Amino acid sequence: MEAVIIEKEALQLPDIERAVLADRLLASLSHTPAELEDAWIREAESRLAGFRKGEIEAVSGPDAMAELRKRFPR
């Protein structure tokens, strides 16, 4: 199957399915070193602990995306 056809089909998927597909494609390009993976896990756990303690405020997905789009326009 040609990449152009795959791209056309992929762009018709719902946002979440496109995000999962993009993540899988990016992961297939290179292997993440174990120490980097471990660092991301520690960061995620630290942020979750901070959220549970009330030290970090949650932001909705749509609000976060709107802020990113504002900061990094195309």
PDB file of N, CA and C in Angstrom:
ATOM      1  N   MET A   1       0.856  -1.175   0.000  1.00  0.00           N
ATOM      2  CA  MET A   1       0.000   0.000   0.000  1.00  0.00           C
ATOM      3  C   MET A   1       0.903   1.239   0.000  1.00  0.00           C
ATOM      4  N   GLU A   2       0.586   2.202  -0.787  1.00  0.00           N
ATOM      5  CA  GLU A   2       1.392   3.405  -0.881  1.00  0.00           C
ATOM      6  C   GLU A   2       1.174   4.310   0.329  1.00  0.00           C
ATOM      7  N   ALA A   3       2.223   5.042   0.700  1.00  0.00           N
ATOM      8  CA  ALA A   3       2.168   5.926   1.859  1.00  0.00           C
ATOM      9  C   ALA A   3       1.080   6.985   1.715  1.00  0.00           C
ATOM     10  N   VAL A   4       0.866   7.476   0.507  1.00  0.00           N
ATOM     11  CA  VAL A   4      -0.151   8.511   0.280  1.00  0.00           C
ATOM     12  C   VAL A   4      -1.539   7.981   0.617  1.00  0.00           C
ATOM     13  N   ILE A   5      -1.808   6.756   0.252  1.00  0.00           N
ATOM     14  CA  ILE A   5      -3.110   6.140   0.546  1.00  0.00           C
ATOM     15  C   ILE A   5      -3.263   5.925   2.049  1.00  0.00           C
ATOM     16  N   ILE A   6      -2.205   5.438   2.679  1.00  0.00           N
ATOM     17  CA  ILE A   6      -2.240   5.208   4.123  1.00  0.00           C
ATOM     18  C   ILE A   6      -2.463   6.532   4.855  1.00  0.00           C
ATOM     19  N   GLU A   7      -1.753   7.576   4.419  1.00  0.00           N
ATOM     20  CA  GLU A   7      -1.911   8.890   5.046  1.00  0.00           C
ATOM     21  C   GLU A   7      -3.344   9.389   4.911  1.00  0.00           C
ATOM     22  N   LYS A   8      -3.912   9.268   3.725  1.00  0.00           N
ATOM     23  CA  LYS A   8      -5.284   9.720   3.482  1.00  0.00           C
ATOM     24  C   LYS A   8      -6.264   8.991   4.407  1.00  0.00           C
ATOM     25  N   GLU A   9      -6.090   7.689   4.532  1.00  0.00           N
ATOM     26  CA  GLU A   9      -6.961   6.903   5.406  1.00  0.00           C
ATOM     27  C   GLU A   9      -6.753   7.280   6.881  1.00  0.00           C
ATOM     28  N   ALA A  10      -5.489   7.442   7.274  1.00  0.00           N
ATOM     29  CA  ALA A  10      -5.173   7.753   8.673  1.00  0.00           C
ATOM     30  C   ALA A  10      -5.755   9.099   9.082  1.00  0.00           C
ATOM     31  N   LEU A  11      -5.738  10.066   8.182  1.00  0.00           N
ATOM     32  CA  LEU A  11      -6.253  11.393   8.507  1.00  0.00           C
ATOM     33  C   LEU A  11      -7.766  11.404   8.711  1.00  0.00           C
ATOM     34  N   GLN A  12      -8.429  10.351   8.326  1.00  0.00           N
ATOM     35  CA  GLN A  12      -9.877  10.252   8.530  1.00  0.00           C
ATOM     36  C   GLN A  12     -10.224   9.630   9.879  1.00  0.00           C
ATOM     37  N   LEU A  13      -9.228   9.131  10.595  1.00  0.00           N
ATOM     38  CA  LEU A  13      -9.468   8.523  11.906  1.00  0.00           C
ATOM     39  C   LEU A  13      -9.802   9.599  12.944  1.00  0.00           C
ATOM     40  N   PRO A  14     -10.521   9.206  13.997  1.00  0.00           N
ATOM     41  CA  PRO A  14     -10.768  10.144  15.100  1.00  0.00           C
ATOM     42  C   PRO A  14      -9.433  10.568  15.735  1.00  0.00           C
ATOM     43  N   ASP A  15      -9.424  11.716  16.395  1.00  0.00           N
ATOM     44  CA  ASP A  15      -8.197  12.256  16.990  1.00  0.00           C
ATOM     45  C   ASP A  15      -7.440  11.239  17.837  1.00  0.00           C
ATOM     46  N   ILE A  16      -8.135  10.563  18.729  1.00  0.00           N
ATOM     47  CA  ILE A  16      -7.455   9.645  19.653  1.00  0.00           C
ATOM     48  C   ILE A  16      -6.803   8.492  18.890  1.00  0.00           C
ATOM     49  N   GLU A  17      -7.470   7.982  17.876  1.00  0.00           N
ATOM     50  CA  GLU A  17      -6.893   6.887  17.097  1.00  0.00           C
ATOM     51  C   GLU A  17      -5.681   7.371  16.294  1.00  0.00           C
ATOM     52  N   ARG A  18      -5.737   8.603  15.789  1.00  0.00           N
ATOM     53  CA  ARG A  18      -4.581   9.172  15.076  1.00  0.00           C
ATOM     54  C   ARG A  18      -3.410   9.350  16.028  1.00  0.00           C
ATOM     55  N   ALA A  19      -3.706   9.781  17.256  1.00  0.00           N
ATOM     56  CA  ALA A  19      -2.650   9.976  18.251  1.00  0.00           C
ATOM     57  C   ALA A  19      -1.980   8.649  18.601  1.00  0.00           C
ATOM     58  N   VAL A  20      -2.765   7.612  18.792  1.00  0.00           N
ATOM     59  CA  VAL A  20      -2.211   6.293  19.099  1.00  0.00           C
ATOM     60  C   VAL A  20      -1.372   5.796  17.924  1.00  0.00           C
ATOM     61  N   LEU A  21      -1.874   5.963  16.720  1.00  0.00           N
ATOM     62  CA  LEU A  21      -1.135   5.553  15.530  1.00  0.00           C
ATOM     63  C   LEU A  21       0.175   6.324  15.409  1.00  0.00           C
ATOM     64  N   ALA A  22       0.116   7.618  15.610  1.00  0.00           N
ATOM     65  CA  ALA A  22       1.332   8.447  15.539  1.00  0.00           C
ATOM     66  C   ALA A  22       2.352   7.994  16.569  1.00  0.00           C
ATOM     67  N   ASP A  23       1.886   7.698  17.781  1.00  0.00           N
ATOM     68  CA  ASP A  23       2.785   7.227  18.838  1.00  0.00           C
ATOM     69  C   ASP A  23       3.454   5.920  18.434  1.00  0.00           C
ATOM     70  N   ARG A  24       2.685   5.010  17.890  1.00  0.00           N
ATOM     71  CA  ARG A  24       3.243   3.720  17.459  1.00  0.00           C
ATOM     72  C   ARG A  24       4.245   3.893  16.320  1.00  0.00           C
ATOM     73  N   LEU A  25       3.922   4.773  15.378  1.00  0.00           N
ATOM     74  CA  LEU A  25       4.841   5.010  14.262  1.00  0.00           C
ATOM     75  C   LEU A  25       6.149   5.629  14.749  1.00  0.00           C
ATOM     76  N   LEU A  26       6.050   6.615  15.636  1.00  0.00           N
ATOM     77  CA  LEU A  26       7.259   7.240  16.172  1.00  0.00           C
ATOM     78  C   LEU A  26       8.093   6.236  16.970  1.00  0.00           C
ATOM     79  N   ALA A  27       7.426   5.408  17.743  1.00  0.00           N
ATOM     80  CA  ALA A  27       8.144   4.404  18.531  1.00  0.00           C
ATOM     81  C   ALA A  27       8.865   3.408  17.638  1.00  0.00           C
ATOM     82  N   SER A  28       8.331   3.184  16.447  1.00  0.00           N
ATOM     83  CA  SER A  28       8.954   2.218  15.548  1.00  0.00           C
ATOM     84  C   SER A  28      10.211   2.763  14.875  1.00  0.00           C
ATOM     85  N   LEU A  29      10.414   4.078  14.919  1.00  0.00           N
ATOM     86  CA  LEU A  29      11.564   4.683  14.249  1.00  0.00           C
ATOM     87  C   LEU A  29      12.875   4.451  14.984  1.00  0.00           C
ATOM     88  N   SER A  30      12.834   4.506  16.287  1.00  0.00           N
ATOM     89  CA  SER A  30      14.058   4.289  17.048  1.00  0.00           C
ATOM     90  C   SER A  30      13.704   3.760  18.424  1.00  0.00           C
ATOM     91  N   HIS A  31      14.645   3.072  18.980  1.00  0.00           N
ATOM     92  CA  HIS A  31      14.455   2.500  20.312  1.00  0.00           C
ATOM     93  C   HIS A  31      14.858   3.535  21.358  1.00  0.00           C
ATOM     94  N   THR A  32      14.005   3.754  22.352  1.00  0.00           N
ATOM     95  CA  THR A  32      14.311   4.682  23.432  1.00  0.00           C
ATOM     96  C   THR A  32      15.226   3.981  24.430  1.00  0.00           C
ATOM     97  N   PRO A  33      16.359   4.607  24.760  1.00  0.00           N
ATOM     98  CA  PRO A  33      17.255   3.996  25.752  1.00  0.00           C
ATOM     99  C   PRO A  33      16.531   3.776  27.080  1.00  0.00           C
ATOM    100  N   ALA A  34      16.866   2.697  27.756  1.00  0.00           N
ATOM    101  CA  ALA A  34      16.204   2.333  29.013  1.00  0.00           C
ATOM    102  C   ALA A  34      16.287   3.444  30.044  1.00  0.00           C
ATOM    103  N   GLU A  35      17.435   4.140  30.115  1.00  0.00           N
ATOM    104  CA  GLU A  35      17.567   5.194  31.126  1.00  0.00           C
ATOM    105  C   GLU A  35      16.640   6.377  30.831  1.00  0.00           C
ATOM    106  N   LEU A  36      16.411   6.657  29.558  1.00  0.00           N
ATOM    107  CA  LEU A  36      15.474   7.722  29.201  1.00  0.00           C
ATOM    108  C   LEU A  36      14.044   7.304  29.528  1.00  0.00           C
ATOM    109  N   GLU A  37      13.703   6.069  29.207  1.00  0.00           N
ATOM    110  CA  GLU A  37      12.374   5.538  29.541  1.00  0.00           C
ATOM    111  C   GLU A  37      12.144   5.594  31.050  1.00  0.00           C
ATOM    112  N   ASP A  38      13.157   5.199  31.820  1.00  0.00           N
ATOM    113  CA  ASP A  38      13.059   5.236  33.286  1.00  0.00           C
ATOM    114  C   ASP A  38      12.880   6.662  33.796  1.00  0.00           C
ATOM    115  N   ALA A  39      13.580   7.612  33.179  1.00  0.00           N
ATOM    116  CA  ALA A  39      13.460   9.015  33.586  1.00  0.00           C
ATOM    117  C   ALA A  39      12.038   9.518  33.332  1.00  0.00           C
ATOM    118  N   TRP A  40      11.451   9.157  32.192  1.00  0.00           N
ATOM    119  CA  TRP A  40      10.073   9.577  31.899  1.00  0.00           C
ATOM    120  C   TRP A  40       9.085   8.951  32.881  1.00  0.00           C
ATOM    121  N   ILE A  41       9.322   7.704  33.246  1.00  0.00           N
ATOM    122  CA  ILE A  41       8.443   7.045  34.227  1.00  0.00           C
ATOM    123  C   ILE A  41       8.532   7.752  35.573  1.00  0.00           C
ATOM    124  N   ARG A  42       9.748   8.083  36.011  1.00  0.00           N
ATOM    125  CA  ARG A  42       9.911   8.804  37.280  1.00  0.00           C
ATOM    126  C   ARG A  42       9.219  10.167  37.224  1.00  0.00           C
ATOM    127  N   GLU A  43       9.356  10.859  36.100  1.00  0.00           N
ATOM    128  CA  GLU A  43       8.712  12.170  35.941  1.00  0.00           C
ATOM    129  C   GLU A  43       7.195  12.047  36.024  1.00  0.00           C
ATOM    130  N   ALA A  44       6.644  11.051  35.331  1.00  0.00           N
ATOM    131  CA  ALA A  44       5.191  10.848  35.349  1.00  0.00           C
ATOM    132  C   ALA A  44       4.708  10.522  36.764  1.00  0.00           C
ATOM    133  N   GLU A  45       5.439   9.670  37.458  1.00  0.00           N
ATOM    134  CA  GLU A  45       5.055   9.310  38.823  1.00  0.00           C
ATOM    135  C   GLU A  45       5.145  10.516  39.757  1.00  0.00           C
ATOM    136  N   SER A  46       6.171  11.342  39.563  1.00  0.00           N
ATOM    137  CA  SER A  46       6.334  12.542  40.371  1.00  0.00           C
ATOM    138  C   SER A  46       5.180  13.523  40.140  1.00  0.00           C
ATOM    139  N   ARG A  47       4.804  13.696  38.888  1.00  0.00           N
ATOM    140  CA  ARG A  47       3.693  14.603  38.574  1.00  0.00           C
ATOM    141  C   ARG A  47       2.376  14.080  39.136  1.00  0.00           C
ATOM    142  N   LEU A  48       2.163  12.762  39.042  1.00  0.00           N
ATOM    143  CA  LEU A  48       0.940  12.183  39.595  1.00  0.00           C
ATOM    144  C   LEU A  48       0.893  12.373  41.107  1.00  0.00           C
ATOM    145  N   ALA A  49       2.023  12.153  41.775  1.00  0.00           N
ATOM    146  CA  ALA A  49       2.078  12.347  43.227  1.00  0.00           C
ATOM    147  C   ALA A  49       1.800  13.807  43.573  1.00  0.00           C
ATOM    148  N   GLY A  50       2.379  14.729  42.821  1.00  0.00           N
ATOM    149  CA  GLY A  50       2.128  16.149  43.051  1.00  0.00           C
ATOM    150  C   GLY A  50       0.669  16.508  42.857  1.00  0.00           C
ATOM    151  N   PHE A  51       0.040  15.923  41.850  1.00  0.00           N
ATOM    152  CA  PHE A  51      -1.387  16.163  41.611  1.00  0.00           C
ATOM    153  C   PHE A  51      -2.217  15.642  42.777  1.00  0.00           C
ATOM    154  N   ARG A  52      -1.909  14.433  43.226  1.00  0.00           N
ATOM    155  CA  ARG A  52      -2.673  13.834  44.328  1.00  0.00           C
ATOM    156  C   ARG A  52      -2.517  14.622  45.624  1.00  0.00           C
ATOM    157  N   LYS A  53      -1.356  15.253  45.813  1.00  0.00           N
ATOM    158  CA  LYS A  53      -1.120  16.060  47.019  1.00  0.00           C
ATOM    159  C   LYS A  53      -1.705  17.463  46.884  1.00  0.00           C
ATOM    160  N   GLY A  54      -2.208  17.795  45.704  1.00  0.00           N
ATOM    161  CA  GLY A  54      -2.764  19.119  45.482  1.00  0.00           C
ATOM    162  C   GLY A  54      -1.710  20.158  45.126  1.00  0.00           C
ATOM    163  N   GLU A  55      -0.501  19.720  44.822  1.00  0.00           N
ATOM    164  CA  GLU A  55       0.585  20.630  44.468  1.00  0.00           C
ATOM    165  C   GLU A  55       0.551  21.021  42.988  1.00  0.00           C
ATOM    166  N   ILE A  56      -0.118  20.209  42.196  1.00  0.00           N
ATOM    167  CA  ILE A  56      -0.204  20.444  40.760  1.00  0.00           C
ATOM    168  C   ILE A  56      -1.676  20.462  40.367  1.00  0.00           C
ATOM    169  N   GLU A  57      -2.056  21.468  39.586  1.00  0.00           N
ATOM    170  CA  GLU A  57      -3.440  21.582  39.134  1.00  0.00           C
ATOM    171  C   GLU A  57      -3.613  20.861  37.802  1.00  0.00           C
ATOM    172  N   ALA A  58      -4.721  20.200  37.643  1.00  0.00           N
ATOM    173  CA  ALA A  58      -5.020  19.516  36.379  1.00  0.00           C
ATOM    174  C   ALA A  58      -5.504  20.522  35.343  1.00  0.00           C
ATOM    175  N   VAL A  59      -5.177  20.247  34.088  1.00  0.00           N
ATOM    176  CA  VAL A  59      -5.637  21.056  32.963  1.00  0.00           C
ATOM    177  C   VAL A  59      -6.346  20.108  32.005  1.00  0.00           C
ATOM    178  N   SER A  60      -7.498  20.503  31.508  1.00  0.00           N
ATOM    179  CA  SER A  60      -8.221  19.628  30.590  1.00  0.00           C
ATOM    180  C   SER A  60      -7.434  19.462  29.288  1.00  0.00           C
ATOM    181  N   GLY A  61      -7.641  18.354  28.626  1.00  0.00           N
ATOM    182  CA  GLY A  61      -6.980  18.095  27.349  1.00  0.00           C
ATOM    183  C   GLY A  61      -7.239  19.195  26.334  1.00  0.00           C
ATOM    184  N   PRO A  62      -8.506  19.588  26.120  1.00  0.00           N
ATOM    185  CA  PRO A  62      -8.777  20.661  25.158  1.00  0.00           C
ATOM    186  C   PRO A  62      -8.098  21.979  25.535  1.00  0.00           C
ATOM    187  N   ASP A  63      -8.055  22.310  26.831  1.00  0.00           N
ATOM    188  CA  ASP A  63      -7.383  23.540  27.252  1.00  0.00           C
ATOM    189  C   ASP A  63      -5.880  23.459  26.997  1.00  0.00           C
ATOM    190  N   ALA A  64      -5.297  22.303  27.282  1.00  0.00           N
ATOM    191  CA  ALA A  64      -3.864  22.118  27.051  1.00  0.00           C
ATOM    192  C   ALA A  64      -3.544  22.239  25.566  1.00  0.00           C
ATOM    193  N   MET A  65      -4.358  21.626  24.726  1.00  0.00           N
ATOM    194  CA  MET A  65      -4.124  21.697  23.281  1.00  0.00           C
ATOM    195  C   MET A  65      -4.296  23.125  22.767  1.00  0.00           C
ATOM    196  N   ALA A  66      -5.282  23.850  23.278  1.00  0.00           N
ATOM    197  CA  ALA A  66      -5.493  25.238  22.863  1.00  0.00           C
ATOM    198  C   ALA A  66      -4.276  26.091  23.224  1.00  0.00           C
ATOM    199  N   GLU A  67      -3.733  25.873  24.411  1.00  0.00           N
ATOM    200  CA  GLU A  67      -2.544  26.613  24.836  1.00  0.00           C
ATOM    201  C   GLU A  67      -1.343  26.283  23.949  1.00  0.00           C
ATOM    202  N   LEU A  68      -1.165  25.014  23.628  1.00  0.00           N
ATOM    203  CA  LEU A  68      -0.053  24.618  22.738  1.00  0.00           C
ATOM    204  C   LEU A  68      -0.215  25.212  21.355  1.00  0.00           C
ATOM    205  N   ARG A  69      -1.429  25.221  20.828  1.00  0.00           N
ATOM    206  CA  ARG A  69      -1.668  25.802  19.506  1.00  0.00           C
ATOM    207  C   ARG A  69      -1.385  27.304  19.496  1.00  0.00           C
ATOM    208  N   LYS A  70      -1.693  27.946  20.628  1.00  0.00           N
ATOM    209  CA  LYS A  70      -1.448  29.382  20.739  1.00  0.00           C
ATOM    210  C   LYS A  70       0.069  29.643  20.802  1.00  0.00           C
ATOM    211  N   ARG A  71       0.787  28.800  21.544  1.00  0.00           N
ATOM    212  CA  ARG A  71       2.227  28.981  21.707  1.00  0.00           C
ATOM    213  C   ARG A  71       3.019  28.597  20.461  1.00  0.00           C
ATOM    214  N   PHE A  72       2.515  27.613  19.729  1.00  0.00           N
ATOM    215  CA  PHE A  72       3.239  27.099  18.567  1.00  0.00           C
ATOM    216  C   PHE A  72       2.345  27.072  17.329  1.00  0.00           C
ATOM    217  N   PRO A  73       2.019  28.257  16.815  1.00  0.00           N
ATOM    218  CA  PRO A  73       1.145  28.297  15.634  1.00  0.00           C
ATOM    219  C   PRO A  73       1.865  27.691  14.421  1.00  0.00           C
ATOM    220  N   ARG A  74       1.092  27.196  13.500  1.00  0.00           N
ATOM    221  CA  ARG A  74       1.680  26.570  12.299  1.00  0.00           C
ATOM    222  C   ARG A  74       2.203  27.583  11.351  1.00  0.00           C
TER     223      ARG A  74
END
